[in-house]
Amino acid sequence: MSSDPQLIRRPEVLRITGLKKSTLYTLMGLDDDPFPPNYPISERGRAWIKSEVLDWCERRRKATRKLTSIERAAQLKLADRDSMVNRKTG
């Protein structure tokens, strides 16, 4: 059983993202990770699929978020472990 995607209108998209209307449409035109497209829901109405908007927000958050010192230390530890494994198998 498939569930229908939840559609949201522009005011909700702007509320979720914190973007202004002009920025939203600029981001939709980008080649690199564009904002999700909107879909016609009536003759003049358009809507976005909420899950696509939330996925885009999460990708942006992950791409721009700074790591905490604990996360950085964990990454370094994993990198060291991987390099030791590569030396043993290489």
PDB file of N, CA and C in Angstrom:
ATOM      1  N   MET A   1       0.831  -1.173   0.000  1.00  0.00           N
ATOM      2  CA  MET A   1       0.000   0.000   0.000  1.00  0.00           C
ATOM      3  C   MET A   1       0.882   1.245   0.000  1.00  0.00           C
ATOM      4  N   SER A   2       0.768   2.077  -1.012  1.00  0.00           N
ATOM      5  CA  SER A   2       1.595   3.279  -1.081  1.00  0.00           C
ATOM      6  C   SER A   2       0.826   4.466  -0.529  1.00  0.00           C
ATOM      7  N   SER A   3       1.572   5.337   0.142  1.00  0.00           N
ATOM      8  CA  SER A   3       0.930   6.538   0.675  1.00  0.00           C
ATOM      9  C   SER A   3       1.193   7.698  -0.279  1.00  0.00           C
ATOM     10  N   ASP A   4       0.209   8.544  -0.416  1.00  0.00           N
ATOM     11  CA  ASP A   4       0.353   9.709  -1.276  1.00  0.00           C
ATOM     12  C   ASP A   4       1.304  10.704  -0.620  1.00  0.00           C
ATOM     13  N   PRO A   5       2.126  11.354  -1.412  1.00  0.00           N
ATOM     14  CA  PRO A   5       3.031  12.343  -0.825  1.00  0.00           C
ATOM     15  C   PRO A   5       2.244  13.538  -0.294  1.00  0.00           C
ATOM     16  N   GLN A   6       2.727  14.091   0.795  1.00  0.00           N
ATOM     17  CA  GLN A   6       2.083  15.277   1.364  1.00  0.00           C
ATOM     18  C   GLN A   6       2.534  16.502   0.578  1.00  0.00           C
ATOM     19  N   LEU A   7       1.576  17.239   0.040  1.00  0.00           N
ATOM     20  CA  LEU A   7       1.875  18.445  -0.722  1.00  0.00           C
ATOM     21  C   LEU A   7       1.775  19.663   0.181  1.00  0.00           C
ATOM     22  N   ILE A   8       2.708  20.590  -0.018  1.00  0.00           N
ATOM     23  CA  ILE A   8       2.686  21.831   0.759  1.00  0.00           C
ATOM     24  C   ILE A   8       2.788  23.022  -0.183  1.00  0.00           C
ATOM     25  N   ARG A   9       2.135  24.087   0.182  1.00  0.00           N
ATOM     26  CA  ARG A   9       2.139  25.305  -0.629  1.00  0.00           C
ATOM     27  C   ARG A   9       3.323  26.188  -0.238  1.00  0.00           C
ATOM     28  N   ARG A  10       3.547  27.229  -1.039  1.00  0.00           N
ATOM     29  CA  ARG A  10       4.718  28.087  -0.860  1.00  0.00           C
ATOM     30  C   ARG A  10       4.861  28.670   0.549  1.00  0.00           C
ATOM     31  N   PRO A  11       3.803  29.186   1.188  1.00  0.00           N
ATOM     32  CA  PRO A  11       4.011  29.725   2.537  1.00  0.00           C
ATOM     33  C   PRO A  11       4.605  28.710   3.514  1.00  0.00           C
ATOM     34  N   GLU A  12       4.193  27.457   3.384  1.00  0.00           N
ATOM     35  CA  GLU A  12       4.737  26.408   4.248  1.00  0.00           C
ATOM     36  C   GLU A  12       6.185  26.101   3.877  1.00  0.00           C
ATOM     37  N   VAL A  13       6.497  26.092   2.593  1.00  0.00           N
ATOM     38  CA  VAL A  13       7.883  25.875   2.151  1.00  0.00           C
ATOM     39  C   VAL A  13       8.783  26.967   2.717  1.00  0.00           C
ATOM     40  N   LEU A  14       8.322  28.207   2.628  1.00  0.00           N
ATOM     41  CA  LEU A  14       9.109  29.331   3.142  1.00  0.00           C
ATOM     42  C   LEU A  14       9.266  29.236   4.663  1.00  0.00           C
ATOM     43  N   ARG A  15       8.241  28.780   5.349  1.00  0.00           N
ATOM     44  CA  ARG A  15       8.325  28.634   6.801  1.00  0.00           C
ATOM     45  C   ARG A  15       9.323  27.542   7.186  1.00  0.00           C
ATOM     46  N   ILE A  16       9.268  26.410   6.494  1.00  0.00           N
ATOM     47  CA  ILE A  16      10.163  25.290   6.787  1.00  0.00           C
ATOM     48  C   ILE A  16      11.619  25.661   6.524  1.00  0.00           C
ATOM     49  N   THR A  17      11.866  26.300   5.389  1.00  0.00           N
ATOM     50  CA  THR A  17      13.246  26.575   4.971  1.00  0.00           C
ATOM     51  C   THR A  17      13.812  27.868   5.535  1.00  0.00           C
ATOM     52  N   GLY A  18      12.946  28.811   5.842  1.00  0.00           N
ATOM     53  CA  GLY A  18      13.423  30.123   6.268  1.00  0.00           C
ATOM     54  C   GLY A  18      13.866  30.997   5.107  1.00  0.00           C
ATOM     55  N   LEU A  19      13.584  30.541   3.895  1.00  0.00           N
ATOM     56  CA  LEU A  19      13.980  31.298   2.705  1.00  0.00           C
ATOM     57  C   LEU A  19      12.972  32.389   2.384  1.00  0.00           C
ATOM     58  N   LYS A  20      13.403  33.360   1.620  1.00  0.00           N
ATOM     59  CA  LYS A  20      12.508  34.350   1.032  1.00  0.00           C
ATOM     60  C   LYS A  20      12.071  33.829  -0.329  1.00  0.00           C
ATOM     61  N   LYS A  21      10.964  34.354  -0.831  1.00  0.00           N
ATOM     62  CA  LYS A  21      10.394  33.864  -2.088  1.00  0.00           C
ATOM     63  C   LYS A  21      11.399  33.955  -3.241  1.00  0.00           C
ATOM     64  N   SER A  22      12.080  35.087  -3.371  1.00  0.00           N
ATOM     65  CA  SER A  22      13.018  35.248  -4.491  1.00  0.00           C
ATOM     66  C   SER A  22      14.183  34.258  -4.398  1.00  0.00           C
ATOM     67  N   THR A  23      14.657  34.002  -3.174  1.00  0.00           N
ATOM     68  CA  THR A  23      15.748  33.038  -2.985  1.00  0.00           C
ATOM     69  C   THR A  23      15.290  31.633  -3.329  1.00  0.00           C
ATOM     70  N   LEU A  24      14.071  31.307  -2.948  1.00  0.00           N
ATOM     71  CA  LEU A  24      13.513  29.987  -3.264  1.00  0.00           C
ATOM     72  C   LEU A  24      13.561  29.722  -4.766  1.00  0.00           C
ATOM     73  N   TYR A  25      13.082  30.671  -5.549  1.00  0.00           N
ATOM     74  CA  TYR A  25      13.050  30.464  -6.998  1.00  0.00           C
ATOM     75  C   TYR A  25      14.449  30.509  -7.617  1.00  0.00           C
ATOM     76  N   THR A  26      15.348  31.274  -7.035  1.00  0.00           N
ATOM     77  CA  THR A  26      16.743  31.259  -7.500  1.00  0.00           C
ATOM     78  C   THR A  26      17.361  29.883  -7.274  1.00  0.00           C
ATOM     79  N   LEU A  27      17.128  29.324  -6.089  1.00  0.00           N
ATOM     80  CA  LEU A  27      17.680  28.005  -5.769  1.00  0.00           C
ATOM     81  C   LEU A  27      17.089  26.898  -6.637  1.00  0.00           C
ATOM     82  N   MET A  28      15.858  27.072  -7.066  1.00  0.00           N
ATOM     83  CA  MET A  28      15.240  26.072  -7.950  1.00  0.00           C
ATOM     84  C   MET A  28      15.952  26.016  -9.299  1.00  0.00           C
ATOM     85  N   GLY A  29      16.594  27.096  -9.696  1.00  0.00           N
ATOM     86  CA  GLY A  29      17.264  27.145 -10.987  1.00  0.00           C
ATOM     87  C   GLY A  29      18.718  26.723 -10.969  1.00  0.00           C
ATOM     88  N   LEU A  30      19.246  26.359  -9.805  1.00  0.00           N
ATOM     89  CA  LEU A  30      20.650  25.964  -9.712  1.00  0.00           C
ATOM     90  C   LEU A  30      20.904  24.620 -10.391  1.00  0.00           C
ATOM     91  N   ASP A  31      22.118  24.461 -10.910  1.00  0.00           N
ATOM     92  CA  ASP A  31      22.522  23.181 -11.492  1.00  0.00           C
ATOM     93  C   ASP A  31      22.996  22.218 -10.407  1.00  0.00           C
ATOM     94  N   ASP A  32      23.667  22.762  -9.380  1.00  0.00           N
ATOM     95  CA  ASP A  32      24.236  21.943  -8.312  1.00  0.00           C
ATOM     96  C   ASP A  32      23.274  21.909  -7.122  1.00  0.00           C
ATOM     97  N   ASP A  33      22.671  20.777  -6.855  1.00  0.00           N
ATOM     98  CA  ASP A  33      21.709  20.562  -5.773  1.00  0.00           C
ATOM     99  C   ASP A  33      20.593  21.606  -5.779  1.00  0.00           C
ATOM    100  N   PRO A  34      19.825  21.649  -6.860  1.00  0.00           N
ATOM    101  CA  PRO A  34      18.734  22.634  -6.922  1.00  0.00           C
ATOM    102  C   PRO A  34      17.641  22.330  -5.908  1.00  0.00           C
ATOM    103  N   PHE A  35      16.879  23.361  -5.568  1.00  0.00           N
ATOM    104  CA  PHE A  35      15.727  23.157  -4.700  1.00  0.00           C
ATOM    105  C   PHE A  35      14.722  22.296  -5.461  1.00  0.00           C
ATOM    106  N   PRO A  36      13.986  21.435  -4.766  1.00  0.00           N
ATOM    107  CA  PRO A  36      13.035  20.550  -5.464  1.00  0.00           C
ATOM    108  C   PRO A  36      12.019  21.335  -6.298  1.00  0.00           C
ATOM    109  N   PRO A  37      11.565  20.745  -7.380  1.00  0.00           N
ATOM    110  CA  PRO A  37      10.589  21.426  -8.234  1.00  0.00           C
ATOM    111  C   PRO A  37       9.214  21.464  -7.576  1.00  0.00           C
ATOM    112  N   ASN A  38       8.400  22.405  -8.040  1.00  0.00           N
ATOM    113  CA  ASN A  38       7.008  22.409  -7.593  1.00  0.00           C
ATOM    114  C   ASN A  38       6.154  21.770  -8.688  1.00  0.00           C
ATOM    115  N   TYR A  39       4.963  21.355  -8.316  1.00  0.00           N
ATOM    116  CA  TYR A  39       4.089  20.627  -9.220  1.00  0.00           C
ATOM    117  C   TYR A  39       2.739  21.324  -9.312  1.00  0.00           C
ATOM    118  N   PRO A  40       2.132  21.306 -10.494  1.00  0.00           N
ATOM    119  CA  PRO A  40       0.814  21.940 -10.618  1.00  0.00           C
ATOM    120  C   PRO A  40      -0.251  21.133  -9.859  1.00  0.00           C
ATOM    121  N   ILE A  41      -1.086  21.850  -9.115  1.00  0.00           N
ATOM    122  CA  ILE A  41      -2.179  21.191  -8.409  1.00  0.00           C
ATOM    123  C   ILE A  41      -3.530  21.737  -8.857  1.00  0.00           C
ATOM    124  N   SER A  42      -3.481  22.820  -9.620  1.00  0.00           N
ATOM    125  CA  SER A  42      -4.680  23.389 -10.222  1.00  0.00           C
ATOM    126  C   SER A  42      -4.223  24.257 -11.389  1.00  0.00           C
ATOM    127  N   GLU A  43      -5.131  24.995 -11.970  1.00  0.00           N
ATOM    128  CA  GLU A  43      -4.766  25.833 -13.119  1.00  0.00           C
ATOM    129  C   GLU A  43      -3.656  26.826 -12.760  1.00  0.00           C
ATOM    130  N   ARG A  44      -3.721  27.412 -11.586  1.00  0.00           N
ATOM    131  CA  ARG A  44      -2.716  28.400 -11.178  1.00  0.00           C
ATOM    132  C   ARG A  44      -1.925  27.982  -9.949  1.00  0.00           C
ATOM    133  N   GLY A  45      -2.377  26.971  -9.246  1.00  0.00           N
ATOM    134  CA  GLY A  45      -1.732  26.575  -7.994  1.00  0.00           C
ATOM    135  C   GLY A  45      -0.582  25.609  -8.192  1.00  0.00           C
ATOM    136  N   ARG A  46       0.432  25.767  -7.374  1.00  0.00           N
ATOM    137  CA  ARG A  46       1.599  24.892  -7.389  1.00  0.00           C
ATOM    138  C   ARG A  46       1.875  24.447  -5.958  1.00  0.00           C
ATOM    139  N   ALA A  47       2.481  23.280  -5.821  1.00  0.00           N
ATOM    140  CA  ALA A  47       2.827  22.776  -4.496  1.00  0.00           C
ATOM    141  C   ALA A  47       4.105  21.951  -4.585  1.00  0.00           C
ATOM    142  N   TRP A  48       4.739  21.756  -3.439  1.00  0.00           N
ATOM    143  CA  TRP A  48       5.953  20.966  -3.333  1.00  0.00           C
ATOM    144  C   TRP A  48       5.644  19.702  -2.553  1.00  0.00           C
ATOM    145  N   ILE A  49       6.419  18.675  -2.788  1.00  0.00           N
ATOM    146  CA  ILE A  49       6.311  17.458  -1.994  1.00  0.00           C
ATOM    147  C   ILE A  49       7.126  17.672  -0.727  1.00  0.00           C
ATOM    148  N   LYS A  50       6.463  17.557   0.399  1.00  0.00           N
ATOM    149  CA  LYS A  50       7.092  17.899   1.680  1.00  0.00           C
ATOM    150  C   LYS A  50       8.364  17.096   1.932  1.00  0.00           C
ATOM    151  N   SER A  51       8.350  15.812   1.651  1.00  0.00           N
ATOM    152  CA  SER A  51       9.536  14.985   1.907  1.00  0.00           C
ATOM    153  C   SER A  51      10.736  15.443   1.074  1.00  0.00           C
ATOM    154  N   GLU A  52      10.494  15.905  -0.161  1.00  0.00           N
ATOM    155  CA  GLU A  52      11.589  16.414  -0.993  1.00  0.00           C
ATOM    156  C   GLU A  52      12.174  17.696  -0.399  1.00  0.00           C
ATOM    157  N   VAL A  53      11.309  18.555   0.111  1.00  0.00           N
ATOM    158  CA  VAL A  53      11.769  19.804   0.731  1.00  0.00           C
ATOM    159  C   VAL A  53      12.591  19.490   1.982  1.00  0.00           C
ATOM    160  N   LEU A  54      12.092  18.587   2.810  1.00  0.00           N
ATOM    161  CA  LEU A  54      12.811  18.228   4.037  1.00  0.00           C
ATOM    162  C   LEU A  54      14.144  17.550   3.725  1.00  0.00           C
ATOM    163  N   ASP A  55      14.183  16.696   2.704  1.00  0.00           N
ATOM    164  CA  ASP A  55      15.438  16.050   2.294  1.00  0.00           C
ATOM    165  C   ASP A  55      16.452  17.086   1.838  1.00  0.00           C
ATOM    166  N   TRP A  56      16.000  18.073   1.060  1.00  0.00           N
ATOM    167  CA  TRP A  56      16.885  19.135   0.591  1.00  0.00           C
ATOM    168  C   TRP A  56      17.439  19.922   1.776  1.00  0.00           C
ATOM    169  N   CYS A  57      16.585  20.241   2.743  1.00  0.00           N
ATOM    170  CA  CYS A  57      17.024  20.971   3.938  1.00  0.00           C
ATOM    171  C   CYS A  57      18.085  20.179   4.697  1.00  0.00           C
ATOM    172  N   GLU A  58      17.887  18.890   4.830  1.00  0.00           N
ATOM    173  CA  GLU A  58      18.841  18.045   5.543  1.00  0.00           C
ATOM    174  C   GLU A  58      20.180  17.984   4.807  1.00  0.00           C
ATOM    175  N   ARG A  59      20.147  17.859   3.485  1.00  0.00           N
ATOM    176  CA  ARG A  59      21.401  17.863   2.712  1.00  0.00           C
ATOM    177  C   ARG A  59      22.145  19.173   2.904  1.00  0.00           C
ATOM    178  N   ARG A  60      21.439  20.280   2.858  1.00  0.00           N
ATOM    179  CA  ARG A  60      22.069  21.589   3.057  1.00  0.00           C
ATOM    180  C   ARG A  60      22.649  21.714   4.463  1.00  0.00           C
ATOM    181  N   ARG A  61      21.898  21.219   5.448  1.00  0.00           N
ATOM    182  CA  ARG A  61      22.375  21.304   6.830  1.00  0.00           C
ATOM    183  C   ARG A  61      23.665  20.507   7.001  1.00  0.00           C
ATOM    184  N   LYS A  62      23.684  19.302   6.461  1.00  0.00           N
ATOM    185  CA  LYS A  62      24.873  18.464   6.575  1.00  0.00           C
ATOM    186  C   LYS A  62      26.060  19.063   5.828  1.00  0.00           C
ATOM    187  N   ALA A  63      25.814  19.696   4.706  1.00  0.00           N
ATOM    188  CA  ALA A  63      26.893  20.254   3.887  1.00  0.00           C
ATOM    189  C   ALA A  63      27.525  21.488   4.524  1.00  0.00           C
ATOM    190  N   THR A  64      26.759  22.237   5.307  1.00  0.00           N
ATOM    191  CA  THR A  64      27.284  23.497   5.842  1.00  0.00           C
ATOM    192  C   THR A  64      27.573  23.449   7.330  1.00  0.00           C
ATOM    193  N   ARG A  65      27.202  22.367   7.992  1.00  0.00           N
ATOM    194  CA  ARG A  65      27.356  22.283   9.441  1.00  0.00           C
ATOM    195  C   ARG A  65      28.804  22.062   9.835  1.00  0.00           C
ATOM    196  N   LYS A  66      29.253  22.776  10.849  1.00  0.00           N
ATOM    197  CA  LYS A  66      30.602  22.601  11.379  1.00  0.00           C
ATOM    198  C   LYS A  66      30.585  21.426  12.358  1.00  0.00           C
ATOM    199  N   LEU A  67      31.668  20.652  12.345  1.00  0.00           N
ATOM    200  CA  LEU A  67      31.768  19.523  13.255  1.00  0.00           C
ATOM    201  C   LEU A  67      32.162  20.002  14.647  1.00  0.00           C
ATOM    202  N   THR A  68      31.633  19.336  15.664  1.00  0.00           N
ATOM    203  CA  THR A  68      32.063  19.604  17.031  1.00  0.00           C
ATOM    204  C   THR A  68      33.421  18.940  17.241  1.00  0.00           C
ATOM    205  N   SER A  69      34.093  19.295  18.318  1.00  0.00           N
ATOM    206  CA  SER A  69      35.406  18.703  18.584  1.00  0.00           C
ATOM    207  C   SER A  69      35.297  17.191  18.787  1.00  0.00           C
ATOM    208  N   ILE A  70      34.208  16.733  19.372  1.00  0.00           N
ATOM    209  CA  ILE A  70      34.014  15.285  19.574  1.00  0.00           C
ATOM    210  C   ILE A  70      33.818  14.591  18.233  1.00  0.00           C
ATOM    211  N   GLU A  71      33.017  15.195  17.338  1.00  0.00           N
ATOM    212  CA  GLU A  71      32.805  14.601  16.015  1.00  0.00           C
ATOM    213  C   GLU A  71      34.103  14.585  15.212  1.00  0.00           C
ATOM    214  N   ARG A  72      34.895  15.661  15.317  1.00  0.00           N
ATOM    215  CA  ARG A  72      36.181  15.718  14.613  1.00  0.00           C
ATOM    216  C   ARG A  72      37.110  14.623  15.112  1.00  0.00           C
ATOM    217  N   ALA A  73      37.159  14.437  16.444  1.00  0.00           N
ATOM    218  CA  ALA A  73      38.014  13.397  17.023  1.00  0.00           C
ATOM    219  C   ALA A  73      37.571  12.013  16.562  1.00  0.00           C
ATOM    220  N   ALA A  74      36.274  11.792  16.498  1.00  0.00           N
ATOM    221  CA  ALA A  74      35.761  10.500  16.029  1.00  0.00           C
ATOM    222  C   ALA A  74      36.133  10.269  14.576  1.00  0.00           C
ATOM    223  N   GLN A  75      36.037  11.308  13.756  1.00  0.00           N
ATOM    224  CA  GLN A  75      36.422  11.166  12.347  1.00  0.00           C
ATOM    225  C   GLN A  75      37.896  10.829  12.212  1.00  0.00           C
ATOM    226  N   LEU A  76      38.745  11.504  12.994  1.00  0.00           N
ATOM    227  CA  LEU A  76      40.186  11.240  12.940  1.00  0.00           C
ATOM    228  C   LEU A  76      40.488   9.811  13.383  1.00  0.00           C
ATOM    229  N   LYS A  77      39.792   9.360  14.424  1.00  0.00           N
ATOM    230  CA  LYS A  77      39.999   7.999  14.906  1.00  0.00           C
ATOM    231  C   LYS A  77      39.614   6.983  13.835  1.00  0.00           C
ATOM    232  N   LEU A  78      38.494   7.214  13.159  1.00  0.00           N
ATOM    233  CA  LEU A  78      38.076   6.315  12.080  1.00  0.00           C
ATOM    234  C   LEU A  78      39.069   6.347  10.922  1.00  0.00           C
ATOM    235  N   ALA A  79      39.559   7.530  10.589  1.00  0.00           N
ATOM    236  CA  ALA A  79      40.521   7.658   9.493  1.00  0.00           C
ATOM    237  C   ALA A  79      41.815   6.916   9.830  1.00  0.00           C
ATOM    238  N   ASP A  80      42.283   7.041  11.086  1.00  0.00           N
ATOM    239  CA  ASP A  80      43.491   6.327  11.511  1.00  0.00           C
ATOM    240  C   ASP A  80      43.290   4.820  11.439  1.00  0.00           C
ATOM    241  N   ARG A  81      42.122   4.351  11.906  1.00  0.00           N
ATOM    242  CA  ARG A  81      41.826   2.920  11.876  1.00  0.00           C
ATOM    243  C   ARG A  81      41.782   2.414  10.431  1.00  0.00           C
ATOM    244  N   ASP A  82      41.149   3.192   9.546  1.00  0.00           N
ATOM    245  CA  ASP A  82      41.079   2.795   8.139  1.00  0.00           C
ATOM    246  C   ASP A  82      42.460   2.738   7.500  1.00  0.00           C
ATOM    247  N   SER A  83      43.319   3.708   7.829  1.00  0.00           N
ATOM    248  CA  SER A  83      44.657   3.700   7.230  1.00  0.00           C
ATOM    249  C   SER A  83      45.475   2.527   7.741  1.00  0.00           C
ATOM    250  N   MET A  84      45.274   2.119   9.021  1.00  0.00           N
ATOM    251  CA  MET A  84      45.994   0.959   9.546  1.00  0.00           C
ATOM    252  C   MET A  84      45.517  -0.315   8.856  1.00  0.00           C
ATOM    253  N   VAL A  85      44.207  -0.426   8.614  1.00  0.00           N
ATOM    254  CA  VAL A  85      43.659  -1.597   7.929  1.00  0.00           C
ATOM    255  C   VAL A  85      44.201  -1.654   6.506  1.00  0.00           C
ATOM    256  N   ASN A  86      44.266  -0.511   5.837  1.00  0.00           N
ATOM    257  CA  ASN A  86      44.779  -0.460   4.469  1.00  0.00           C
ATOM    258  C   ASN A  86      46.246  -0.848   4.412  1.00  0.00           C
ATOM    259  N   ARG A  87      47.029  -0.474   5.406  1.00  0.00           N
ATOM    260  CA  ARG A  87      48.442  -0.841   5.423  1.00  0.00           C
ATOM    261  C   ARG A  87      48.615  -2.355   5.587  1.00  0.00           C
ATOM    262  N   LYS A  88      47.756  -2.948   6.430  1.00  0.00           N
ATOM    263  CA  LYS A  88      47.854  -4.393   6.678  1.00  0.00           C
ATOM    264  C   LYS A  88      47.420  -5.209   5.464  1.00  0.00           C
ATOM    265  N   THR A  89      46.389  -4.702   4.740  1.00  0.00           N
ATOM    266  CA  THR A  89      45.881  -5.450   3.599  1.00  0.00           C
ATOM    267  C   THR A  89      46.549  -5.051   2.308  1.00  0.00           C
ATOM    268  N   GLY A  90      47.208  -3.897   2.285  1.00  0.00           N
ATOM    269  CA  GLY A  90      47.788  -3.367   1.057  1.00  0.00           C
ATOM    270  C   GLY A  90      49.074  -3.971   0.753  1.00  0.00           C
TER     271      GLY A  90
END
